């Protein structure tokens, strides 16, 4: 587990340097990535929050900052006026397109220590571990409750 956590931190440090060079945090990049891949009408904020990789981020504040920079905009939902949808702007789309190649190169560099088969094996193992952790969440809550 320690190796997994240390590896995550090492990867995040590399990602942070890349995104900071483009005026973004890793969390802001994540929001833009979700918005770009979303439906044309946009995602409600709660859906972006659900899709976030780093879920500790305050998505509303991230959207506010990205909107101030002109990278995202909120659009009223015609079916429910209480909900606004988040849509990537042309400026945001251009930034993401500029980042596509550096992100691809970064991923290739970070995984260049393994061949394709090793990368696939690691990916499969990590997916199994993640699914197992999700299944264990209930058991862990019971354990924490018993300790408290």
N, C-alpha and C. Protein backbone atom coordinates (compact mmCIF):
# COMPACT_ATOMS: atom_id res chain seq x y z
N UNK A 1 0.83 -1.19 0.00
CA UNK A 1 0.00 0.00 0.00
C UNK A 1 0.87 1.25 0.00
N UNK A 2 1.97 1.21 0.77
CA UNK A 2 2.87 2.36 0.80
C UNK A 2 3.43 2.65 -0.59
N UNK A 3 3.83 1.60 -1.31
CA UNK A 3 4.37 1.79 -2.66
C UNK A 3 3.32 2.41 -3.59
N UNK A 4 2.09 1.98 -3.44
CA UNK A 4 1.00 2.52 -4.26
C UNK A 4 0.80 4.01 -3.97
N UNK A 5 0.79 4.39 -2.70
CA UNK A 5 0.60 5.79 -2.32
C UNK A 5 1.79 6.66 -2.76
N UNK A 6 3.00 6.15 -2.61
CA UNK A 6 4.18 6.90 -3.04
C UNK A 6 4.21 7.09 -4.55
N UNK A 7 3.80 6.06 -5.28
CA UNK A 7 3.75 6.14 -6.74
C UNK A 7 2.72 7.17 -7.18
N UNK A 8 1.56 7.17 -6.54
CA UNK A 8 0.54 8.18 -6.86
C UNK A 8 1.09 9.58 -6.67
N UNK A 9 1.78 9.81 -5.58
CA UNK A 9 2.35 11.13 -5.30
C UNK A 9 3.39 11.51 -6.35
N UNK A 10 4.22 10.56 -6.77
CA UNK A 10 5.25 10.84 -7.78
C UNK A 10 4.60 11.22 -9.11
N UNK A 11 3.56 10.51 -9.50
CA UNK A 11 2.86 10.80 -10.75
C UNK A 11 2.18 12.17 -10.66
N UNK A 12 1.54 12.45 -9.55
CA UNK A 12 0.85 13.74 -9.36
C UNK A 12 1.84 14.90 -9.47
N UNK A 13 3.02 14.76 -8.89
CA UNK A 13 4.02 15.84 -8.97
C UNK A 13 4.37 16.16 -10.42
N UNK A 14 4.54 15.13 -11.25
CA UNK A 14 4.85 15.35 -12.67
C UNK A 14 3.67 16.04 -13.35
N UNK A 15 2.46 15.57 -13.09
CA UNK A 15 1.27 16.17 -13.69
C UNK A 15 1.12 17.62 -13.26
N UNK A 16 1.32 17.89 -11.99
CA UNK A 16 1.17 19.26 -11.49
C UNK A 16 2.10 20.22 -12.21
N UNK A 17 3.34 19.81 -12.44
CA UNK A 17 4.29 20.69 -13.15
C UNK A 17 3.79 21.00 -14.56
N UNK A 18 3.27 20.00 -15.24
CA UNK A 18 2.76 20.21 -16.60
C UNK A 18 1.59 21.17 -16.59
N UNK A 19 0.61 20.94 -15.73
CA UNK A 19 -0.59 21.77 -15.72
C UNK A 19 -0.30 23.18 -15.22
N UNK A 20 0.57 23.31 -14.23
CA UNK A 20 0.93 24.64 -13.72
C UNK A 20 1.59 25.48 -14.80
N UNK A 21 2.34 24.84 -15.69
CA UNK A 21 2.97 25.55 -16.80
C UNK A 21 1.94 26.15 -17.75
N UNK A 22 0.71 25.63 -17.69
CA UNK A 22 -0.39 26.13 -18.52
C UNK A 22 -1.43 26.89 -17.69
N UNK A 23 -1.05 27.25 -16.45
CA UNK A 23 -1.93 28.07 -15.61
C UNK A 23 -3.07 27.32 -14.96
N UNK A 24 -2.94 26.01 -14.83
CA UNK A 24 -4.01 25.19 -14.25
C UNK A 24 -3.50 24.39 -13.06
N UNK A 25 -4.42 24.05 -12.17
CA UNK A 25 -4.13 23.03 -11.17
C UNK A 25 -4.56 21.69 -11.75
N UNK A 26 -4.12 20.63 -11.11
CA UNK A 26 -4.50 19.30 -11.57
C UNK A 26 -6.03 19.11 -11.46
N UNK A 27 -6.63 19.70 -10.43
CA UNK A 27 -8.09 19.59 -10.25
C UNK A 27 -8.82 20.37 -11.34
N UNK A 28 -8.30 21.57 -11.70
CA UNK A 28 -8.93 22.35 -12.77
C UNK A 28 -8.84 21.60 -14.10
N UNK A 29 -7.70 20.99 -14.37
CA UNK A 29 -7.57 20.18 -15.58
C UNK A 29 -8.62 19.07 -15.59
N UNK A 30 -8.79 18.44 -14.45
CA UNK A 30 -9.76 17.35 -14.34
C UNK A 30 -11.18 17.84 -14.67
N UNK A 31 -11.55 19.01 -14.15
CA UNK A 31 -12.88 19.57 -14.45
C UNK A 31 -13.01 19.86 -15.94
N UNK A 32 -11.98 20.47 -16.52
CA UNK A 32 -12.02 20.75 -17.97
C UNK A 32 -12.10 19.47 -18.79
N UNK A 33 -11.39 18.44 -18.37
CA UNK A 33 -11.42 17.15 -19.06
C UNK A 33 -12.83 16.57 -19.04
N UNK A 34 -13.47 16.65 -17.90
CA UNK A 34 -14.84 16.13 -17.77
C UNK A 34 -15.80 16.95 -18.62
N UNK A 35 -15.66 18.28 -18.55
CA UNK A 35 -16.56 19.15 -19.32
C UNK A 35 -16.38 18.93 -20.83
N UNK A 36 -15.15 18.77 -21.26
CA UNK A 36 -14.91 18.57 -22.69
C UNK A 36 -15.51 17.25 -23.16
N UNK A 37 -15.45 16.23 -22.34
CA UNK A 37 -15.98 14.92 -22.73
C UNK A 37 -17.47 14.76 -22.48
N UNK A 38 -18.09 15.79 -21.92
CA UNK A 38 -19.50 15.70 -21.57
C UNK A 38 -20.42 16.00 -22.73
N UNK A 39 -21.71 15.95 -22.44
CA UNK A 39 -22.70 16.24 -23.48
C UNK A 39 -22.64 17.72 -23.90
N UNK A 40 -23.12 18.03 -25.08
CA UNK A 40 -23.12 19.40 -25.59
C UNK A 40 -23.85 20.34 -24.63
N UNK A 41 -24.92 19.86 -24.01
CA UNK A 41 -25.67 20.70 -23.07
C UNK A 41 -24.97 20.86 -21.73
N UNK A 42 -23.85 20.14 -21.53
CA UNK A 42 -23.05 20.26 -20.32
C UNK A 42 -23.49 19.31 -19.21
N UNK A 43 -22.67 19.27 -18.17
CA UNK A 43 -22.95 18.47 -16.98
C UNK A 43 -23.39 19.39 -15.85
N UNK A 44 -24.33 18.95 -15.01
CA UNK A 44 -24.56 19.68 -13.76
C UNK A 44 -23.34 19.50 -12.86
N UNK A 45 -23.13 20.42 -11.94
CA UNK A 45 -21.95 20.37 -11.09
C UNK A 45 -21.87 19.04 -10.32
N UNK A 46 -23.01 18.54 -9.85
CA UNK A 46 -22.97 17.29 -9.08
C UNK A 46 -22.44 16.14 -9.92
N UNK A 47 -22.67 16.16 -11.23
CA UNK A 47 -22.16 15.10 -12.11
C UNK A 47 -20.65 15.25 -12.30
N UNK A 48 -20.18 16.47 -12.41
CA UNK A 48 -18.74 16.69 -12.51
C UNK A 48 -18.08 16.20 -11.23
N UNK A 49 -18.67 16.52 -10.10
CA UNK A 49 -18.12 16.09 -8.81
C UNK A 49 -18.05 14.57 -8.73
N UNK A 50 -19.07 13.91 -9.23
CA UNK A 50 -19.11 12.44 -9.21
C UNK A 50 -18.01 11.83 -10.07
N UNK A 51 -17.64 12.52 -11.15
CA UNK A 51 -16.65 12.01 -12.09
C UNK A 51 -15.21 12.42 -11.77
N UNK A 52 -15.04 13.25 -10.76
CA UNK A 52 -13.70 13.74 -10.41
C UNK A 52 -12.79 12.60 -9.96
N UNK A 53 -11.53 12.69 -10.34
CA UNK A 53 -10.54 11.73 -9.87
C UNK A 53 -10.19 12.04 -8.42
N UNK A 54 -9.93 13.32 -8.13
CA UNK A 54 -9.60 13.77 -6.78
C UNK A 54 -10.87 14.38 -6.20
N UNK A 55 -11.60 13.63 -5.42
CA UNK A 55 -12.93 14.04 -4.98
C UNK A 55 -12.93 15.01 -3.82
N UNK A 56 -11.78 15.32 -3.27
CA UNK A 56 -11.74 16.24 -2.14
C UNK A 56 -11.85 17.69 -2.61
N UNK A 57 -11.77 17.93 -3.89
CA UNK A 57 -11.81 19.29 -4.42
C UNK A 57 -13.21 19.89 -4.31
N UNK A 58 -13.27 21.21 -4.10
CA UNK A 58 -14.52 21.94 -4.08
C UNK A 58 -14.87 22.28 -5.53
N UNK A 59 -15.74 21.50 -6.14
CA UNK A 59 -16.02 21.63 -7.57
C UNK A 59 -16.65 22.97 -7.89
N UNK A 60 -17.54 23.45 -7.05
CA UNK A 60 -18.18 24.74 -7.32
C UNK A 60 -17.12 25.84 -7.40
N UNK A 61 -16.18 25.84 -6.49
CA UNK A 61 -15.12 26.85 -6.51
C UNK A 61 -14.21 26.67 -7.73
N UNK A 62 -13.92 25.43 -8.10
CA UNK A 62 -13.12 25.18 -9.30
C UNK A 62 -13.82 25.71 -10.55
N UNK A 63 -15.12 25.45 -10.65
CA UNK A 63 -15.90 25.94 -11.79
C UNK A 63 -15.91 27.47 -11.79
N UNK A 64 -16.07 28.07 -10.61
CA UNK A 64 -16.05 29.54 -10.52
C UNK A 64 -14.75 30.10 -11.10
N UNK A 65 -13.63 29.53 -10.69
CA UNK A 65 -12.32 30.01 -11.17
C UNK A 65 -12.16 29.82 -12.67
N UNK A 66 -12.58 28.67 -13.17
CA UNK A 66 -12.46 28.39 -14.60
C UNK A 66 -13.41 29.27 -15.40
N UNK A 67 -14.54 29.60 -14.83
CA UNK A 67 -15.49 30.50 -15.49
C UNK A 67 -14.90 31.91 -15.54
N UNK A 68 -14.26 32.34 -14.46
CA UNK A 68 -13.61 33.66 -14.42
C UNK A 68 -12.52 33.76 -15.50
N UNK A 69 -11.84 32.64 -15.75
CA UNK A 69 -10.78 32.62 -16.77
C UNK A 69 -11.34 32.48 -18.19
N UNK A 70 -12.66 32.29 -18.30
CA UNK A 70 -13.28 32.15 -19.61
C UNK A 70 -13.15 30.77 -20.21
N UNK A 71 -12.84 29.77 -19.38
CA UNK A 71 -12.64 28.40 -19.87
C UNK A 71 -13.90 27.55 -19.80
N UNK A 72 -14.79 27.92 -18.90
CA UNK A 72 -16.09 27.25 -18.73
C UNK A 72 -17.17 28.32 -18.64
N UNK A 73 -18.41 27.89 -18.86
CA UNK A 73 -19.54 28.77 -18.58
C UNK A 73 -20.68 27.94 -18.04
N UNK A 74 -21.49 28.59 -17.23
CA UNK A 74 -22.70 27.94 -16.71
C UNK A 74 -23.86 28.31 -17.61
N UNK A 75 -24.70 27.32 -17.86
CA UNK A 75 -25.88 27.51 -18.70
C UNK A 75 -27.07 26.98 -17.91
N UNK A 76 -28.14 27.76 -17.88
CA UNK A 76 -29.34 27.33 -17.16
C UNK A 76 -29.93 26.09 -17.83
N UNK A 77 -30.39 25.17 -17.02
CA UNK A 77 -31.05 23.97 -17.52
C UNK A 77 -32.49 24.33 -17.82
N UNK A 78 -32.93 24.22 -19.07
CA UNK A 78 -34.30 24.62 -19.40
C UNK A 78 -35.37 23.76 -18.72
N UNK A 79 -35.01 22.53 -18.32
CA UNK A 79 -35.98 21.64 -17.67
C UNK A 79 -36.07 21.88 -16.17
N UNK A 80 -35.00 22.45 -15.59
CA UNK A 80 -34.98 22.68 -14.14
C UNK A 80 -34.16 23.93 -13.87
N UNK A 81 -34.82 25.02 -13.63
CA UNK A 81 -34.14 26.31 -13.48
C UNK A 81 -33.26 26.37 -12.24
N UNK A 82 -33.41 25.41 -11.33
CA UNK A 82 -32.55 25.38 -10.15
C UNK A 82 -31.17 24.82 -10.46
N UNK A 83 -31.05 24.16 -11.61
CA UNK A 83 -29.81 23.49 -11.99
C UNK A 83 -29.13 24.27 -13.11
N UNK A 84 -27.83 24.47 -12.95
CA UNK A 84 -27.07 25.02 -14.07
C UNK A 84 -26.13 23.94 -14.56
N UNK A 85 -25.88 23.98 -15.83
CA UNK A 85 -24.99 23.01 -16.45
C UNK A 85 -23.68 23.70 -16.79
N UNK A 86 -22.60 22.96 -16.74
CA UNK A 86 -21.27 23.50 -17.00
C UNK A 86 -20.83 23.06 -18.39
N UNK A 87 -20.48 24.05 -19.21
CA UNK A 87 -20.10 23.80 -20.60
C UNK A 87 -18.71 24.39 -20.83
N UNK A 88 -17.88 23.66 -21.54
CA UNK A 88 -16.56 24.18 -21.88
C UNK A 88 -16.71 25.23 -22.98
N UNK A 89 -15.96 26.31 -22.88
CA UNK A 89 -16.00 27.38 -23.87
C UNK A 89 -15.02 27.08 -25.00
N UNK A 90 -15.11 27.81 -26.10
CA UNK A 90 -14.10 27.63 -27.16
C UNK A 90 -12.68 27.87 -26.64
N UNK A 91 -12.50 28.86 -25.77
CA UNK A 91 -11.17 29.11 -25.17
C UNK A 91 -10.71 27.90 -24.36
N UNK A 92 -11.62 27.32 -23.58
CA UNK A 92 -11.29 26.13 -22.80
C UNK A 92 -10.97 24.95 -23.69
N UNK A 93 -11.72 24.80 -24.77
CA UNK A 93 -11.48 23.71 -25.71
C UNK A 93 -10.10 23.86 -26.37
N UNK A 94 -9.74 25.11 -26.74
CA UNK A 94 -8.42 25.34 -27.35
C UNK A 94 -7.30 25.00 -26.37
N UNK A 95 -7.47 25.38 -25.10
CA UNK A 95 -6.46 25.04 -24.09
C UNK A 95 -6.31 23.53 -23.97
N UNK A 96 -7.43 22.84 -23.90
CA UNK A 96 -7.37 21.37 -23.77
C UNK A 96 -6.73 20.74 -25.01
N UNK A 97 -7.01 21.28 -26.19
CA UNK A 97 -6.39 20.75 -27.40
C UNK A 97 -4.88 20.97 -27.38
N UNK A 98 -4.43 22.12 -26.84
CA UNK A 98 -2.99 22.38 -26.71
C UNK A 98 -2.36 21.41 -25.71
N UNK A 99 -3.12 20.98 -24.72
CA UNK A 99 -2.60 20.07 -23.70
C UNK A 99 -2.63 18.60 -24.13
N UNK A 100 -3.42 18.27 -25.14
CA UNK A 100 -3.55 16.86 -25.54
C UNK A 100 -2.20 16.20 -25.80
N UNK A 101 -1.37 16.82 -26.61
CA UNK A 101 -0.09 16.21 -26.95
C UNK A 101 0.86 16.16 -25.75
N UNK A 102 1.04 17.26 -25.00
CA UNK A 102 1.91 17.16 -23.81
C UNK A 102 1.43 16.10 -22.81
N UNK A 103 0.12 15.95 -22.64
CA UNK A 103 -0.40 14.95 -21.71
C UNK A 103 -0.10 13.54 -22.25
N UNK A 104 -0.26 13.37 -23.55
CA UNK A 104 0.05 12.07 -24.16
C UNK A 104 1.53 11.74 -23.99
N UNK A 105 2.40 12.72 -24.25
CA UNK A 105 3.84 12.52 -24.12
C UNK A 105 4.20 12.21 -22.67
N UNK A 106 3.60 12.97 -21.73
CA UNK A 106 3.86 12.73 -20.31
C UNK A 106 3.49 11.29 -19.93
N UNK A 107 2.32 10.84 -20.37
CA UNK A 107 1.88 9.48 -20.05
C UNK A 107 2.84 8.46 -20.65
N UNK A 108 3.29 8.70 -21.88
CA UNK A 108 4.23 7.77 -22.52
C UNK A 108 5.56 7.75 -21.77
N UNK A 109 6.02 8.91 -21.34
CA UNK A 109 7.28 8.97 -20.59
C UNK A 109 7.15 8.26 -19.24
N UNK A 110 6.04 8.50 -18.55
CA UNK A 110 5.86 7.90 -17.23
C UNK A 110 5.74 6.38 -17.30
N UNK A 111 5.24 5.87 -18.39
CA UNK A 111 5.06 4.42 -18.50
C UNK A 111 6.15 3.75 -19.33
N UNK A 112 7.17 4.52 -19.74
CA UNK A 112 8.22 3.96 -20.60
C UNK A 112 9.11 2.94 -19.88
N UNK A 113 8.98 2.84 -18.56
CA UNK A 113 9.77 1.85 -17.82
C UNK A 113 9.19 0.44 -17.98
N UNK A 114 8.02 0.34 -18.56
CA UNK A 114 7.35 -0.96 -18.74
C UNK A 114 7.01 -1.15 -20.21
N UNK A 115 6.98 -2.41 -20.64
CA UNK A 115 6.50 -2.65 -22.00
C UNK A 115 4.97 -2.68 -21.99
N UNK A 116 4.38 -2.80 -23.16
CA UNK A 116 2.92 -2.72 -23.27
C UNK A 116 2.22 -3.79 -22.44
N UNK A 117 2.74 -5.00 -22.45
CA UNK A 117 2.12 -6.09 -21.69
C UNK A 117 2.17 -5.81 -20.19
N UNK A 118 3.32 -5.29 -19.72
CA UNK A 118 3.43 -4.95 -18.30
C UNK A 118 2.45 -3.84 -17.93
N UNK A 119 2.33 -2.84 -18.79
CA UNK A 119 1.38 -1.74 -18.53
C UNK A 119 -0.05 -2.27 -18.45
N UNK A 120 -0.41 -3.17 -19.36
CA UNK A 120 -1.75 -3.75 -19.34
C UNK A 120 -1.96 -4.57 -18.07
N UNK A 121 -0.95 -5.32 -17.66
CA UNK A 121 -1.06 -6.12 -16.43
C UNK A 121 -1.23 -5.23 -15.21
N UNK A 122 -0.43 -4.18 -15.13
CA UNK A 122 -0.54 -3.24 -14.01
C UNK A 122 -1.92 -2.59 -14.00
N UNK A 123 -2.37 -2.18 -15.18
CA UNK A 123 -3.68 -1.54 -15.30
C UNK A 123 -4.79 -2.48 -14.83
N UNK A 124 -4.73 -3.73 -15.27
CA UNK A 124 -5.74 -4.72 -14.87
C UNK A 124 -5.71 -4.95 -13.36
N UNK A 125 -4.50 -5.07 -12.81
CA UNK A 125 -4.37 -5.28 -11.37
C UNK A 125 -4.92 -4.09 -10.59
N UNK A 126 -4.59 -2.86 -11.03
CA UNK A 126 -5.09 -1.67 -10.34
C UNK A 126 -6.62 -1.58 -10.42
N UNK A 127 -7.18 -1.95 -11.55
CA UNK A 127 -8.64 -1.95 -11.68
C UNK A 127 -9.27 -2.96 -10.71
N UNK A 128 -8.68 -4.14 -10.61
CA UNK A 128 -9.19 -5.15 -9.66
C UNK A 128 -9.07 -4.65 -8.23
N UNK A 129 -7.93 -4.02 -7.90
CA UNK A 129 -7.73 -3.48 -6.56
C UNK A 129 -8.76 -2.41 -6.25
N UNK A 130 -9.01 -1.50 -7.21
CA UNK A 130 -9.99 -0.43 -7.02
C UNK A 130 -11.38 -1.01 -6.79
N UNK A 131 -11.77 -2.00 -7.58
CA UNK A 131 -13.08 -2.63 -7.41
C UNK A 131 -13.17 -3.32 -6.04
N UNK A 132 -12.10 -3.97 -5.65
CA UNK A 132 -12.07 -4.65 -4.35
C UNK A 132 -12.20 -3.62 -3.21
N UNK A 133 -11.47 -2.51 -3.34
CA UNK A 133 -11.55 -1.46 -2.31
C UNK A 133 -12.98 -0.92 -2.21
N UNK A 134 -13.63 -0.75 -3.34
CA UNK A 134 -15.02 -0.27 -3.34
C UNK A 134 -15.92 -1.26 -2.61
N UNK A 135 -15.71 -2.55 -2.86
CA UNK A 135 -16.50 -3.58 -2.18
C UNK A 135 -16.23 -3.60 -0.68
N UNK A 136 -15.02 -3.25 -0.29
CA UNK A 136 -14.62 -3.30 1.12
C UNK A 136 -15.06 -2.07 1.92
N UNK A 137 -15.54 -1.03 1.26
CA UNK A 137 -15.89 0.20 1.96
C UNK A 137 -16.89 -0.04 3.09
N UNK A 138 -17.89 -0.86 2.86
CA UNK A 138 -18.87 -1.16 3.90
C UNK A 138 -18.24 -1.85 5.09
N UNK A 139 -17.38 -2.81 4.83
CA UNK A 139 -16.71 -3.53 5.91
C UNK A 139 -15.81 -2.59 6.70
N UNK A 140 -15.15 -1.66 6.03
CA UNK A 140 -14.27 -0.71 6.71
C UNK A 140 -15.06 0.24 7.59
N UNK A 141 -16.25 0.64 7.14
CA UNK A 141 -17.09 1.53 7.95
C UNK A 141 -17.50 0.82 9.25
N UNK A 142 -17.80 -0.47 9.15
CA UNK A 142 -18.15 -1.24 10.35
C UNK A 142 -16.96 -1.33 11.30
N UNK A 143 -15.76 -1.53 10.74
CA UNK A 143 -14.55 -1.61 11.55
C UNK A 143 -14.27 -0.28 12.26
N UNK A 144 -14.40 0.82 11.55
CA UNK A 144 -14.19 2.14 12.14
C UNK A 144 -15.22 2.38 13.24
N UNK A 145 -16.46 2.01 13.00
CA UNK A 145 -17.50 2.16 14.01
C UNK A 145 -17.22 1.34 15.24
N UNK A 146 -16.67 0.16 15.08
CA UNK A 146 -16.35 -0.70 16.22
C UNK A 146 -15.20 -0.13 17.05
N UNK A 147 -14.27 0.54 16.39
CA UNK A 147 -13.11 1.13 17.08
C UNK A 147 -13.51 2.38 17.83
N UNK A 148 -14.43 3.15 17.27
CA UNK A 148 -14.80 4.45 17.86
C UNK A 148 -15.46 4.34 19.16
